[in-house]
Amino acid sequence: MTPAGGTTVQDHVALAEIELCGELIIAASAADEERLSLDRIDEVLLGLAGG
């Protein structure tokens, strides 16, 4: 969304959610199992929070 002044408005919450989804997709594509376990999901999300 671009207001009349020409600056870009960013929704920081939406950007954070997109990053989380991206990390989960990467983890899922690298996983040997069909689905990520809840423990693995926690590892991915906590890794983002810590790093």
Protein backbone atom coordinates (compact mmCIF):
# COMPACT_ATOMS: atom_id res chain seq x y z
CA MET A 1 0.00 0.00 0.00
CA THR A 2 1.43 3.37 -0.98
CA PRO A 3 -0.04 6.49 0.60
CA ALA A 4 -0.25 9.82 -1.27
CA GLY A 5 3.12 10.90 0.21
CA GLY A 6 4.88 8.10 -1.67
CA THR A 7 6.26 6.17 1.31
CA THR A 8 5.62 2.47 1.73
CA VAL A 9 3.62 1.30 4.73
CA GLN A 10 4.79 -2.03 6.12
CA ASP A 11 2.73 -4.28 8.33
CA HIS A 12 5.41 -5.66 10.65
CA VAL A 13 3.09 -8.33 12.05
CA ALA A 14 2.29 -9.63 8.56
CA LEU A 15 5.99 -9.66 7.65
CA ALA A 16 6.81 -11.64 10.79
CA GLU A 17 4.06 -14.16 10.00
CA ILE A 18 5.38 -14.56 6.46
CA GLU A 19 8.87 -15.23 7.82
CA LEU A 20 7.50 -17.87 10.23
CA CYS A 21 5.59 -19.60 7.44
CA GLY A 22 8.65 -19.54 5.22
CA GLU A 23 10.82 -21.15 7.89
CA LEU A 24 8.22 -23.85 8.49
CA ILE A 25 8.01 -24.56 4.75
CA ILE A 26 11.80 -24.87 4.55
CA ALA A 27 11.84 -27.22 7.55
CA ALA A 28 9.02 -29.31 6.09
CA SER A 29 10.76 -29.64 2.74
CA ALA A 30 13.96 -30.81 4.44
CA ALA A 31 12.21 -33.31 6.74
CA ASP A 32 12.46 -37.05 6.19
CA GLU A 33 9.03 -37.69 7.68
CA GLU A 34 5.74 -36.90 5.96
CA ARG A 35 4.75 -34.29 8.56
CA LEU A 36 6.69 -32.18 11.01
CA SER A 37 6.26 -33.27 14.61
CA LEU A 38 5.07 -30.71 17.12
CA ASP A 39 8.52 -30.86 18.70
CA ARG A 40 10.19 -30.02 15.37
CA ILE A 41 7.77 -27.13 14.78
CA ASP A 42 8.66 -25.79 18.23
CA GLU A 43 12.38 -26.10 17.41
CA VAL A 44 11.95 -24.10 14.19
CA LEU A 45 9.86 -21.37 15.78
CA LEU A 46 12.00 -21.10 18.91
CA GLY A 47 15.09 -20.93 16.71
CA LEU A 48 13.65 -17.84 15.05
CA ALA A 49 12.86 -16.25 18.40
CA GLY A 50 16.37 -16.90 19.67
CA GLY A 51 18.25 -15.93 16.54
